[in-house]
Amino acid sequence: MSKIFEIIEAGINAENLRQKAIANNVANMNTPGYRRFDVNFKEMLSKAMDSDGKVDFDELNARLHQPKQTTVKSNGNDVSLEREVGEMVKNTLRHKTYIRLLQKKYSQIEMAMSVK
């Protein structure tokens, strides 16, 4: 049971970090030479899970990275407001999903504790 909570916590932390990265990207959208940042949690989660369903929690640290795969404008900046807003919407939905999973787990624990 605690492993589920650790995965959910790692997901929430990753989405919080991604939200900060998105805000930083938007704040620097007109900064010459600025390259956008993203968080690679999905890749980290895939890497941390083996085929038996076991998770290496040491691998579940979301990290910032610069994808450098987007089109660079003439000023050397690659931030697109439309892309960042889209990422923010997806990030918000993932964050809400993690919170709902957490609520569901706590609800299950409360229900188990109230059974006589």
PDB file of N, CA and C in Angstrom:
ATOM      1  N   MET A   1       0.825  -1.197   0.000  1.00  0.00           N
ATOM      2  CA  MET A   1       0.000   0.000   0.000  1.00  0.00           C
ATOM      3  C   MET A   1       0.866   1.256   0.000  1.00  0.00           C
ATOM      4  N   SER A   2       1.954   1.242   0.767  1.00  0.00           N
ATOM      5  CA  SER A   2       2.786   2.442   0.847  1.00  0.00           C
ATOM      6  C   SER A   2       3.453   2.747  -0.482  1.00  0.00           C
ATOM      7  N   LYS A   3       3.687   1.717  -1.315  1.00  0.00           N
ATOM      8  CA  LYS A   3       4.304   1.952  -2.621  1.00  0.00           C
ATOM      9  C   LYS A   3       3.385   2.757  -3.529  1.00  0.00           C
ATOM     10  N   ILE A   4       2.098   2.491  -3.433  1.00  0.00           N
ATOM     11  CA  ILE A   4       1.123   3.267  -4.215  1.00  0.00           C
ATOM     12  C   ILE A   4       1.210   4.741  -3.818  1.00  0.00           C
ATOM     13  N   PHE A   5       1.291   4.989  -2.514  1.00  0.00           N
ATOM     14  CA  PHE A   5       1.385   6.361  -2.039  1.00  0.00           C
ATOM     15  C   PHE A   5       2.679   7.020  -2.517  1.00  0.00           C
ATOM     16  N   GLU A   6       3.752   6.244  -2.571  1.00  0.00           N
ATOM     17  CA  GLU A   6       5.028   6.794  -3.039  1.00  0.00           C
ATOM     18  C   GLU A   6       4.961   7.155  -4.518  1.00  0.00           C
ATOM     19  N   ILE A   7       4.300   6.329  -5.313  1.00  0.00           N
ATOM     20  CA  ILE A   7       4.152   6.625  -6.738  1.00  0.00           C
ATOM     21  C   ILE A   7       3.285   7.863  -6.930  1.00  0.00           C
ATOM     22  N   ILE A   8       2.179   7.935  -6.207  1.00  0.00           N
ATOM     23  CA  ILE A   8       1.302   9.105  -6.306  1.00  0.00           C
ATOM     24  C   ILE A   8       2.044  10.364  -5.864  1.00  0.00           C
ATOM     25  N   GLU A   9       2.789  10.266  -4.771  1.00  0.00           N
ATOM     26  CA  GLU A   9       3.559  11.422  -4.294  1.00  0.00           C
ATOM     27  C   GLU A   9       4.582  11.866  -5.340  1.00  0.00           C
ATOM     28  N   ALA A  10       5.270  10.910  -5.950  1.00  0.00           N
ATOM     29  CA  ALA A  10       6.248  11.243  -6.983  1.00  0.00           C
ATOM     30  C   ALA A  10       5.565  11.924  -8.164  1.00  0.00           C
ATOM     31  N   GLY A  11       4.377  11.447  -8.529  1.00  0.00           N
ATOM     32  CA  GLY A  11       3.622  12.062  -9.623  1.00  0.00           C
ATOM     33  C   GLY A  11       3.202  13.483  -9.300  1.00  0.00           C
ATOM     34  N   ILE A  12       2.716  13.701  -8.092  1.00  0.00           N
ATOM     35  CA  ILE A  12       2.310  15.055  -7.673  1.00  0.00           C
ATOM     36  C   ILE A  12       3.519  15.980  -7.673  1.00  0.00           C
ATOM     37  N   ASN A  13       4.649  15.495  -7.152  1.00  0.00           N
ATOM     38  CA  ASN A  13       5.862  16.311  -7.140  1.00  0.00           C
ATOM     39  C   ASN A  13       6.321  16.652  -8.554  1.00  0.00           C
ATOM     40  N   ALA A  14       6.209  15.681  -9.469  1.00  0.00           N
ATOM     41  CA  ALA A  14       6.598  15.910 -10.856  1.00  0.00           C
ATOM     42  C   ALA A  14       5.709  16.962 -11.503  1.00  0.00           C
ATOM     43  N   GLU A  15       4.403  16.877 -11.253  1.00  0.00           N
ATOM     44  CA  GLU A  15       3.491  17.860 -11.840  1.00  0.00           C
ATOM     45  C   GLU A  15       3.709  19.253 -11.245  1.00  0.00           C
ATOM     46  N   ASN A  16       4.046  19.320  -9.965  1.00  0.00           N
ATOM     47  CA  ASN A  16       4.371  20.618  -9.362  1.00  0.00           C
ATOM     48  C   ASN A  16       5.616  21.211 -10.014  1.00  0.00           C
ATOM     49  N   LEU A  17       6.637  20.375 -10.225  1.00  0.00           N
ATOM     50  CA  LEU A  17       7.861  20.838 -10.880  1.00  0.00           C
ATOM     51  C   LEU A  17       7.575  21.264 -12.315  1.00  0.00           C
ATOM     52  N   ARG A  18       6.742  20.493 -13.022  1.00  0.00           N
ATOM     53  CA  ARG A  18       6.398  20.842 -14.399  1.00  0.00           C
ATOM     54  C   ARG A  18       5.647  22.174 -14.450  1.00  0.00           C
ATOM     55  N   GLN A  19       4.766  22.418 -13.484  1.00  0.00           N
ATOM     56  CA  GLN A  19       4.018  23.679 -13.456  1.00  0.00           C
ATOM     57  C   GLN A  19       4.986  24.858 -13.322  1.00  0.00           C
ATOM     58  N   LYS A  20       6.008  24.687 -12.471  1.00  0.00           N
ATOM     59  CA  LYS A  20       7.015  25.745 -12.304  1.00  0.00           C
ATOM     60  C   LYS A  20       7.805  25.938 -13.591  1.00  0.00           C
ATOM     61  N   ALA A  21       8.137  24.839 -14.269  1.00  0.00           N
ATOM     62  CA  ALA A  21       8.872  24.938 -15.531  1.00  0.00           C
ATOM     63  C   ALA A  21       8.050  25.665 -16.584  1.00  0.00           C
ATOM     64  N   ILE A  22       6.765  25.350 -16.663  1.00  0.00           N
ATOM     65  CA  ILE A  22       5.883  26.020 -17.623  1.00  0.00           C
ATOM     66  C   ILE A  22       5.808  27.512 -17.320  1.00  0.00           C
ATOM     67  N   ALA A  23       5.638  27.858 -16.051  1.00  0.00           N
ATOM     68  CA  ALA A  23       5.572  29.276 -15.667  1.00  0.00           C
ATOM     69  C   ALA A  23       6.875  29.987 -16.033  1.00  0.00           C
ATOM     70  N   ASN A  24       7.997  29.322 -15.812  1.00  0.00           N
ATOM     71  CA  ASN A  24       9.293  29.905 -16.150  1.00  0.00           C
ATOM     72  C   ASN A  24       9.439  30.064 -17.668  1.00  0.00           C
ATOM     73  N   ASN A  25       8.963  29.078 -18.414  1.00  0.00           N
ATOM     74  CA  ASN A  25       9.011  29.165 -19.878  1.00  0.00           C
ATOM     75  C   ASN A  25       8.209  30.361 -20.378  1.00  0.00           C
ATOM     76  N   VAL A  26       6.998  30.521 -19.845  1.00  0.00           N
ATOM     77  CA  VAL A  26       6.142  31.640 -20.268  1.00  0.00           C
ATOM     78  C   VAL A  26       6.782  32.969 -19.882  1.00  0.00           C
ATOM     79  N   ALA A  27       7.357  33.033 -18.685  1.00  0.00           N
ATOM     80  CA  ALA A  27       7.994  34.276 -18.235  1.00  0.00           C
ATOM     81  C   ALA A  27       9.178  34.653 -19.115  1.00  0.00           C
ATOM     82  N   ASN A  28       9.798  33.674 -19.752  1.00  0.00           N
ATOM     83  CA  ASN A  28      10.976  33.931 -20.584  1.00  0.00           C
ATOM     84  C   ASN A  28      10.701  33.801 -22.081  1.00  0.00           C
ATOM     85  N   MET A  29       9.428  33.861 -22.462  1.00  0.00           N
ATOM     86  CA  MET A  29       9.107  33.632 -23.875  1.00  0.00           C
ATOM     87  C   MET A  29       9.682  34.680 -24.822  1.00  0.00           C
ATOM     88  N   ASN A  30      10.070  35.843 -24.310  1.00  0.00           N
ATOM     89  CA  ASN A  30      10.674  36.877 -25.157  1.00  0.00           C
ATOM     90  C   ASN A  30      12.153  37.083 -24.853  1.00  0.00           C
ATOM     91  N   THR A  31      12.722  36.224 -24.033  1.00  0.00           N
ATOM     92  CA  THR A  31      14.140  36.333 -23.677  1.00  0.00           C
ATOM     93  C   THR A  31      14.987  35.729 -24.797  1.00  0.00           C
ATOM     94  N   PRO A  32      15.845  36.528 -25.416  1.00  0.00           N
ATOM     95  CA  PRO A  32      16.685  35.994 -26.491  1.00  0.00           C
ATOM     96  C   PRO A  32      17.563  34.843 -26.007  1.00  0.00           C
ATOM     97  N   GLY A  33      17.592  33.774 -26.802  1.00  0.00           N
ATOM     98  CA  GLY A  33      18.436  32.632 -26.504  1.00  0.00           C
ATOM     99  C   GLY A  33      17.885  31.658 -25.473  1.00  0.00           C
ATOM    100  N   TYR A  34      16.738  31.967 -24.878  1.00  0.00           N
ATOM    101  CA  TYR A  34      16.164  31.077 -23.864  1.00  0.00           C
ATOM    102  C   TYR A  34      15.592  29.841 -24.539  1.00  0.00           C
ATOM    103  N   ARG A  35      15.900  28.670 -23.984  1.00  0.00           N
ATOM    104  CA  ARG A  35      15.332  27.406 -24.455  1.00  0.00           C
ATOM    105  C   ARG A  35      14.426  26.851 -23.373  1.00  0.00           C
ATOM    106  N   ARG A  36      13.278  26.357 -23.775  1.00  0.00           N
ATOM    107  CA  ARG A  36      12.266  25.870 -22.838  1.00  0.00           C
ATOM    108  C   ARG A  36      12.745  24.656 -22.052  1.00  0.00           C
ATOM    109  N   PHE A  37      12.174  24.517 -20.852  1.00  0.00           N
ATOM    110  CA  PHE A  37      12.435  23.373 -19.981  1.00  0.00           C
ATOM    111  C   PHE A  37      11.177  22.526 -19.887  1.00  0.00           C
ATOM    112  N   ASP A  38      11.376  21.248 -19.598  1.00  0.00           N
ATOM    113  CA  ASP A  38      10.275  20.322 -19.377  1.00  0.00           C
ATOM    114  C   ASP A  38      10.718  19.336 -18.297  1.00  0.00           C
ATOM    115  N   VAL A  39       9.785  18.494 -17.868  1.00  0.00           N
ATOM    116  CA  VAL A  39      10.059  17.491 -16.845  1.00  0.00           C
ATOM    117  C   VAL A  39       9.876  16.124 -17.482  1.00  0.00           C
ATOM    118  N   ASN A  40      10.796  15.214 -17.225  1.00  0.00           N
ATOM    119  CA  ASN A  40      10.736  13.892 -17.855  1.00  0.00           C
ATOM    120  C   ASN A  40      10.283  12.808 -16.884  1.00  0.00           C
ATOM    121  N   PHE A  41       9.189  13.040 -16.165  1.00  0.00           N
ATOM    122  CA  PHE A  41       8.711  12.068 -15.178  1.00  0.00           C
ATOM    123  C   PHE A  41       8.209  10.784 -15.820  1.00  0.00           C
ATOM    124  N   LYS A  42       7.494  10.882 -16.917  1.00  0.00           N
ATOM    125  CA  LYS A  42       6.948   9.682 -17.561  1.00  0.00           C
ATOM    126  C   LYS A  42       8.075   8.722 -17.938  1.00  0.00           C
ATOM    127  N   GLU A  43       9.160   9.256 -18.474  1.00  0.00           N
ATOM    128  CA  GLU A  43      10.303   8.429 -18.819  1.00  0.00           C
ATOM    129  C   GLU A  43      10.937   7.831 -17.571  1.00  0.00           C
ATOM    130  N   MET A  44      11.016   8.625 -16.490  1.00  0.00           N
ATOM    131  CA  MET A  44      11.609   8.150 -15.243  1.00  0.00           C
ATOM    132  C   MET A  44      10.759   7.020 -14.643  1.00  0.00           C
ATOM    133  N   LEU A  45       9.424   7.174 -14.706  1.00  0.00           N
ATOM    134  CA  LEU A  45       8.530   6.142 -14.185  1.00  0.00           C
ATOM    135  C   LEU A  45       8.679   4.850 -14.990  1.00  0.00           C
ATOM    136  N   SER A  46       8.738   4.965 -16.310  1.00  0.00           N
ATOM    137  CA  SER A  46       8.916   3.782 -17.155  1.00  0.00           C
ATOM    138  C   SER A  46      10.232   3.084 -16.843  1.00  0.00           C
ATOM    139  N   LYS A  47      11.268   3.869 -16.657  1.00  0.00           N
ATOM    140  CA  LYS A  47      12.591   3.309 -16.355  1.00  0.00           C
ATOM    141  C   LYS A  47      12.609   2.653 -14.971  1.00  0.00           C
ATOM    142  N   ALA A  48      11.892   3.252 -14.027  1.00  0.00           N
ATOM    143  CA  ALA A  48      11.894   2.744 -12.653  1.00  0.00           C
ATOM    144  C   ALA A  48      11.113   1.449 -12.505  1.00  0.00           C
ATOM    145  N   MET A  49      10.154   1.221 -13.398  1.00  0.00           N
ATOM    146  CA  MET A  49       9.336   0.009 -13.313  1.00  0.00           C
ATOM    147  C   MET A  49       9.972  -1.102 -14.138  1.00  0.00           C
ATOM    148  N   ASP A  50      10.079  -2.255 -13.551  1.00  0.00           N
ATOM    149  CA  ASP A  50      10.573  -3.388 -14.329  1.00  0.00           C
ATOM    150  C   ASP A  50       9.390  -4.234 -14.788  1.00  0.00           C
ATOM    151  N   SER A  51       9.660  -5.293 -15.506  1.00  0.00           N
ATOM    152  CA  SER A  51       8.584  -6.095 -16.080  1.00  0.00           C
ATOM    153  C   SER A  51       7.757  -6.824 -15.030  1.00  0.00           C
ATOM    154  N   ASP A  52       8.279  -6.979 -13.819  1.00  0.00           N
ATOM    155  CA  ASP A  52       7.530  -7.650 -12.753  1.00  0.00           C
ATOM    156  C   ASP A  52       6.600  -6.700 -12.005  1.00  0.00           C
ATOM    157  N   GLY A  53       6.581  -5.439 -12.398  1.00  0.00           N
ATOM    158  CA  GLY A  53       5.737  -4.471 -11.729  1.00  0.00           C
ATOM    159  C   GLY A  53       6.373  -3.867 -10.493  1.00  0.00           C
ATOM    160  N   LYS A  54       7.624  -4.215 -10.221  1.00  0.00           N
ATOM    161  CA  LYS A  54       8.334  -3.631  -9.088  1.00  0.00           C
ATOM    162  C   LYS A  54       8.862  -2.261  -9.499  1.00  0.00           C
ATOM    163  N   VAL A  55       8.926  -1.361  -8.538  1.00  0.00           N
ATOM    164  CA  VAL A  55       9.352  -0.002  -8.831  1.00  0.00           C
ATOM    165  C   VAL A  55      10.612   0.315  -8.038  1.00  0.00           C
ATOM    166  N   ASP A  56      11.613   0.846  -8.731  1.00  0.00           N
ATOM    167  CA  ASP A  56      12.825   1.323  -8.074  1.00  0.00           C
ATOM    168  C   ASP A  56      12.588   2.792  -7.743  1.00  0.00           C
ATOM    169  N   PHE A  57      12.256   3.067  -6.477  1.00  0.00           N
ATOM    170  CA  PHE A  57      11.867   4.422  -6.085  1.00  0.00           C
ATOM    171  C   PHE A  57      13.018   5.418  -6.162  1.00  0.00           C
ATOM    172  N   ASP A  58      14.243   4.925  -6.212  1.00  0.00           N
ATOM    173  CA  ASP A  58      15.381   5.831  -6.387  1.00  0.00           C
ATOM    174  C   ASP A  58      15.377   6.464  -7.771  1.00  0.00           C
ATOM    175  N   GLU A  59      14.711   5.826  -8.713  1.00  0.00           N
ATOM    176  CA  GLU A  59      14.640   6.329 -10.089  1.00  0.00           C
ATOM    177  C   GLU A  59      13.470   7.297 -10.306  1.00  0.00           C
ATOM    178  N   LEU A  60      12.643   7.511  -9.283  1.00  0.00           N
ATOM    179  CA  LEU A  60      11.429   8.309  -9.451  1.00  0.00           C
ATOM    180  C   LEU A  60      11.599   9.783  -9.084  1.00  0.00           C
ATOM    181  N   ASN A  61      12.724  10.333  -9.360  1.00  0.00           N
ATOM    182  CA  ASN A  61      12.934  11.760  -9.111  1.00  0.00           C
ATOM    183  C   ASN A  61      12.772  12.504 -10.422  1.00  0.00           C
ATOM    184  N   ALA A  62      11.705  13.265 -10.527  1.00  0.00           N
ATOM    185  CA  ALA A  62      11.469  14.040 -11.738  1.00  0.00           C
ATOM    186  C   ALA A  62      12.579  15.073 -11.872  1.00  0.00           C
ATOM    187  N   ARG A  63      13.032  15.254 -13.087  1.00  0.00           N
ATOM    188  CA  ARG A  63      14.125  16.199 -13.335  1.00  0.00           C
ATOM    189  C   ARG A  63      13.768  17.126 -14.491  1.00  0.00           C
ATOM    190  N   LEU A  64      14.279  18.332 -14.392  1.00  0.00           N
ATOM    191  CA  LEU A  64      14.138  19.275 -15.492  1.00  0.00           C
ATOM    192  C   LEU A  64      15.121  18.902 -16.598  1.00  0.00           C
ATOM    193  N   HIS A  65      14.703  19.086 -17.812  1.00  0.00           N
ATOM    194  CA  HIS A  65      15.609  18.906 -18.948  1.00  0.00           C
ATOM    195  C   HIS A  65      15.170  19.847 -20.067  1.00  0.00           C
ATOM    196  N   GLN A  66      16.068  20.093 -20.982  1.00  0.00           N
ATOM    197  CA  GLN A  66      15.753  20.919 -22.143  1.00  0.00           C
ATOM    198  C   GLN A  66      15.654  20.009 -23.360  1.00  0.00           C
ATOM    199  N   PRO A  67      14.436  19.816 -23.867  1.00  0.00           N
ATOM    200  CA  PRO A  67      14.257  18.902 -24.998  1.00  0.00           C
ATOM    201  C   PRO A  67      15.010  19.337 -26.263  1.00  0.00           C
ATOM    202  N   LYS A  68      15.090  20.631 -26.507  1.00  0.00           N
ATOM    203  CA  LYS A  68      15.773  21.199 -27.687  1.00  0.00           C
ATOM    204  C   LYS A  68      15.313  20.549 -28.984  1.00  0.00           C
ATOM    205  N   GLN A  69      14.008  20.234 -29.042  1.00  0.00           N
ATOM    206  CA  GLN A  69      13.442  19.627 -30.244  1.00  0.00           C
ATOM    207  C   GLN A  69      12.418  20.539 -30.899  1.00  0.00           C
ATOM    208  N   THR A  70      12.235  21.728 -30.352  1.00  0.00           N
ATOM    209  CA  THR A  70      11.240  22.640 -30.892  1.00  0.00           C
ATOM    210  C   THR A  70      11.912  23.668 -31.785  1.00  0.00           C
ATOM    211  N   THR A  71      11.119  24.260 -32.634  1.00  0.00           N
ATOM    212  CA  THR A  71      11.622  25.249 -33.578  1.00  0.00           C
ATOM    213  C   THR A  71      12.120  26.490 -32.852  1.00  0.00           C
ATOM    214  N   VAL A  72      13.298  26.924 -33.238  1.00  0.00           N
ATOM    215  CA  VAL A  72      13.903  28.108 -32.625  1.00  0.00           C
ATOM    216  C   VAL A  72      13.574  29.319 -33.485  1.00  0.00           C
ATOM    217  N   LYS A  73      13.126  30.392 -32.795  1.00  0.00           N
ATOM    218  CA  LYS A  73      12.822  31.640 -33.498  1.00  0.00           C
ATOM    219  C   LYS A  73      14.120  32.385 -33.820  1.00  0.00           C
ATOM    220  N   SER A  74      14.007  33.476 -34.528  1.00  0.00           N
ATOM    221  CA  SER A  74      15.187  34.236 -34.947  1.00  0.00           C
ATOM    222  C   SER A  74      16.018  34.758 -33.777  1.00  0.00           C
ATOM    223  N   ASN A  75      15.390  34.941 -32.609  1.00  0.00           N
ATOM    224  CA  ASN A  75      16.132  35.432 -31.442  1.00  0.00           C
ATOM    225  C   ASN A  75      16.747  34.292 -30.626  1.00  0.00           C
ATOM    226  N   GLY A  76      16.644  33.055 -31.120  1.00  0.00           N
ATOM    227  CA  GLY A  76      17.229  31.912 -30.427  1.00  0.00           C
ATOM    228  C   GLY A  76      16.330  31.316 -29.360  1.00  0.00           C
ATOM    229  N   ASN A  77      15.121  31.811 -29.217  1.00  0.00           N
ATOM    230  CA  ASN A  77      14.162  31.360 -28.217  1.00  0.00           C
ATOM    231  C   ASN A  77      13.228  30.328 -28.862  1.00  0.00           C
ATOM    232  N   ASP A  78      12.867  29.292 -28.111  1.00  0.00           N
ATOM    233  CA  ASP A  78      11.982  28.265 -28.670  1.00  0.00           C
ATOM    234  C   ASP A  78      10.662  28.116 -27.918  1.00  0.00           C
ATOM    235  N   VAL A  79      10.280  29.113 -27.119  1.00  0.00           N
ATOM    236  CA  VAL A  79       9.045  29.040 -26.340  1.00  0.00           C
ATOM    237  C   VAL A  79       7.859  29.493 -27.200  1.00  0.00           C
ATOM    238  N   SER A  80       6.824  28.661 -27.212  1.00  0.00           N
ATOM    239  CA  SER A  80       5.578  28.985 -27.897  1.00  0.00           C
ATOM    240  C   SER A  80       4.485  29.081 -26.831  1.00  0.00           C
ATOM    241  N   LEU A  81       3.810  30.210 -26.763  1.00  0.00           N
ATOM    242  CA  LEU A  81       2.762  30.391 -25.765  1.00  0.00           C
ATOM    243  C   LEU A  81       1.665  29.341 -25.933  1.00  0.00           C
ATOM    244  N   GLU A  82       1.301  29.041 -27.170  1.00  0.00           N
ATOM    245  CA  GLU A  82       0.262  28.047 -27.423  1.00  0.00           C
ATOM    246  C   GLU A  82       0.666  26.678 -26.878  1.00  0.00           C
ATOM    247  N   ARG A  83       1.902  26.299 -27.100  1.00  0.00           N
ATOM    248  CA  ARG A  83       2.386  25.003 -26.600  1.00  0.00           C
ATOM    249  C   ARG A  83       2.393  24.982 -25.074  1.00  0.00           C
ATOM    250  N   GLU A  84       2.852  26.054 -24.467  1.00  0.00           N
ATOM    251  CA  GLU A  84       2.937  26.109 -23.003  1.00  0.00           C
ATOM    252  C   GLU A  84       1.546  26.073 -22.373  1.00  0.00           C
ATOM    253  N   VAL A  85       0.578  26.758 -22.976  1.00  0.00           N
ATOM    254  CA  VAL A  85      -0.788  26.716 -22.453  1.00  0.00           C
ATOM    255  C   VAL A  85      -1.344  25.295 -22.577  1.00  0.00           C
ATOM    256  N   GLY A  86      -1.090  24.646 -23.704  1.00  0.00           N
ATOM    257  CA  GLY A  86      -1.516  23.252 -23.874  1.00  0.00           C
ATOM    258  C   GLY A  86      -0.875  22.341 -22.837  1.00  0.00           C
ATOM    259  N   GLU A  87       0.416  22.531 -22.587  1.00  0.00           N
ATOM    260  CA  GLU A  87       1.114  21.737 -21.569  1.00  0.00           C
ATOM    261  C   GLU A  87       0.552  22.013 -20.182  1.00  0.00           C
ATOM    262  N   MET A  88       0.184  23.267 -19.926  1.00  0.00           N
ATOM    263  CA  MET A  88      -0.380  23.627 -18.628  1.00  0.00           C
ATOM    264  C   MET A  88      -1.729  22.931 -18.408  1.00  0.00           C
ATOM    265  N   VAL A  89      -2.538  22.859 -19.441  1.00  0.00           N
ATOM    266  CA  VAL A  89      -3.838  22.186 -19.337  1.00  0.00           C
ATOM    267  C   VAL A  89      -3.630  20.693 -19.062  1.00  0.00           C
ATOM    268  N   LYS A  90      -2.728  20.054 -19.816  1.00  0.00           N
ATOM    269  CA  LYS A  90      -2.451  18.633 -19.596  1.00  0.00           C
ATOM    270  C   LYS A  90      -1.881  18.401 -18.200  1.00  0.00           C
ATOM    271  N   ASN A  91      -1.009  19.289 -17.775  1.00  0.00           N
ATOM    272  CA  ASN A  91      -0.400  19.168 -16.454  1.00  0.00           C
ATOM    273  C   ASN A  91      -1.448  19.272 -15.355  1.00  0.00           C
ATOM    274  N   THR A  92      -2.373  20.198 -15.512  1.00  0.00           N
ATOM    275  CA  THR A  92      -3.448  20.372 -14.531  1.00  0.00           C
ATOM    276  C   THR A  92      -4.312  19.113 -14.442  1.00  0.00           C
ATOM    277  N   LEU A  93      -4.618  18.524 -15.581  1.00  0.00           N
ATOM    278  CA  LEU A  93      -5.423  17.299 -15.594  1.00  0.00           C
ATOM    279  C   LEU A  93      -4.684  16.135 -14.928  1.00  0.00           C
ATOM    280  N   ARG A  94      -3.390  16.013 -15.204  1.00  0.00           N
ATOM    281  CA  ARG A  94      -2.609  14.943 -14.553  1.00  0.00           C
ATOM    282  C   ARG A  94      -2.548  15.167 -13.046  1.00  0.00           C
ATOM    283  N   HIS A  95      -2.360  16.412 -12.629  1.00  0.00           N
ATOM    284  CA  HIS A  95      -2.289  16.736 -11.198  1.00  0.00           C
ATOM    285  C   HIS A  95      -3.612  16.384 -10.517  1.00  0.00           C
ATOM    286  N   LYS A  96      -4.723  16.756 -11.134  1.00  0.00           N
ATOM    287  CA  LYS A  96      -6.040  16.424 -10.576  1.00  0.00           C
ATOM    288  C   LYS A  96      -6.232  14.914 -10.485  1.00  0.00           C
ATOM    289  N   THR A  97      -5.734  14.189 -11.468  1.00  0.00           N
ATOM    290  CA  THR A  97      -5.849  12.732 -11.454  1.00  0.00           C
ATOM    291  C   THR A  97      -5.083  12.143 -10.279  1.00  0.00           C
ATOM    292  N   TYR A  98      -3.877  12.607 -10.055  1.00  0.00           N
ATOM    293  CA  TYR A  98      -3.098  12.124  -8.904  1.00  0.00           C
ATOM    294  C   TYR A  98      -3.807  12.437  -7.593  1.00  0.00           C
ATOM    295  N   ILE A  99      -4.375  13.623  -7.477  1.00  0.00           N
ATOM    296  CA  ILE A  99      -5.080  14.006  -6.247  1.00  0.00           C
ATOM    297  C   ILE A  99      -6.304  13.116  -6.044  1.00  0.00           C
ATOM    298  N   ARG A 100      -7.030  12.835  -7.122  1.00  0.00           N
ATOM    299  CA  ARG A 100      -8.203  11.959  -7.005  1.00  0.00           C
ATOM    300  C   ARG A 100      -7.805  10.539  -6.629  1.00  0.00           C
ATOM    301  N   LEU A 101      -6.700  10.062  -7.170  1.00  0.00           N
ATOM    302  CA  LEU A 101      -6.200   8.735  -6.774  1.00  0.00           C
ATOM    303  C   LEU A 101      -5.858   8.707  -5.294  1.00  0.00           C
ATOM    304  N   LEU A 102      -5.222   9.751  -4.834  1.00  0.00           N
ATOM    305  CA  LEU A 102      -4.867   9.850  -3.424  1.00  0.00           C
ATOM    306  C   LEU A 102      -6.122   9.875  -2.552  1.00  0.00           C
ATOM    307  N   GLN A 103      -7.129  10.659  -2.953  1.00  0.00           N
ATOM    308  CA  GLN A 103      -8.389  10.709  -2.213  1.00  0.00           C
ATOM    309  C   GLN A 103      -9.047   9.328  -2.173  1.00  0.00           C
ATOM    310  N   LYS A 104      -9.010   8.626  -3.296  1.00  0.00           N
ATOM    311  CA  LYS A 104      -9.617   7.288  -3.375  1.00  0.00           C
ATOM    312  C   LYS A 104      -8.911   6.318  -2.432  1.00  0.00           C
ATOM    313  N   LYS A 105      -7.588   6.371  -2.379  1.00  0.00           N
ATOM    314  CA  LYS A 105      -6.833   5.484  -1.489  1.00  0.00           C
ATOM    315  C   LYS A 105      -7.165   5.779  -0.032  1.00  0.00           C
ATOM    316  N   TYR A 106      -7.227   7.052   0.332  1.00  0.00           N
ATOM    317  CA  TYR A 106      -7.582   7.400   1.711  1.00  0.00           C
ATOM    318  C   TYR A 106      -9.013   6.973   2.033  1.00  0.00           C
ATOM    319  N   SER A 107      -9.904   7.095   1.082  1.00  0.00           N
ATOM    320  CA  SER A 107     -11.285   6.669   1.273  1.00  0.00           C
ATOM    321  C   SER A 107     -11.345   5.162   1.508  1.00  0.00           C
ATOM    322  N   GLN A 108     -10.552   4.406   0.751  1.00  0.00           N
ATOM    323  CA  GLN A 108     -10.516   2.955   0.937  1.00  0.00           C
ATOM    324  C   GLN A 108      -9.981   2.596   2.324  1.00  0.00           C
ATOM    325  N   ILE A 109      -8.973   3.316   2.788  1.00  0.00           N
ATOM    326  CA  ILE A 109      -8.417   3.063   4.117  1.00  0.00           C
ATOM    327  C   ILE A 109      -9.458   3.366   5.195  1.00  0.00           C
ATOM    328  N   GLU A 110     -10.152   4.496   5.062  1.00  0.00           N
ATOM    329  CA  GLU A 110     -11.202   4.851   6.031  1.00  0.00           C
ATOM    330  C   GLU A 110     -12.305   3.805   6.041  1.00  0.00           C
ATOM    331  N   MET A 111     -12.680   3.325   4.866  1.00  0.00           N
ATOM    332  CA  MET A 111     -13.735   2.326   4.778  1.00  0.00           C
ATOM    333  C   MET A 111     -13.285   1.035   5.445  1.00  0.00           C
ATOM    334  N   ALA A 112     -12.043   0.631   5.235  1.00  0.00           N
ATOM    335  CA  ALA A 112     -11.522  -0.589   5.847  1.00  0.00           C
ATOM    336  C   ALA A 112     -11.468  -0.450   7.371  1.00  0.00           C
ATOM    337  N   MET A 113     -11.163   0.728   7.853  1.00  0.00           N
ATOM    338  CA  MET A 113     -11.058   0.946   9.293  1.00  0.00           C
ATOM    339  C   MET A 113     -12.429   0.959   9.967  1.00  0.00           C
ATOM    340  N   SER A 114     -13.466   1.310   9.214  1.00  0.00           N
ATOM    341  CA  SER A 114     -14.798   1.386   9.798  1.00  0.00           C
ATOM    342  C   SER A 114     -15.558   0.061   9.739  1.00  0.00           C
ATOM    343  N   VAL A 115     -15.014  -0.935   9.072  1.00  0.00           N
ATOM    344  CA  VAL A 115     -15.661  -2.249   8.995  1.00  0.00           C
ATOM    345  C   VAL A 115     -15.512  -2.952  10.336  1.00  0.00           C
ATOM    346  N   LYS A 116     -16.631  -3.486  10.843  1.00  0.00           N
ATOM    347  CA  LYS A 116     -16.611  -4.162  12.152  1.00  0.00           C
ATOM    348  C   LYS A 116     -16.886  -5.617  12.006  1.00  0.00           C
TER     349      LYS A 116
END
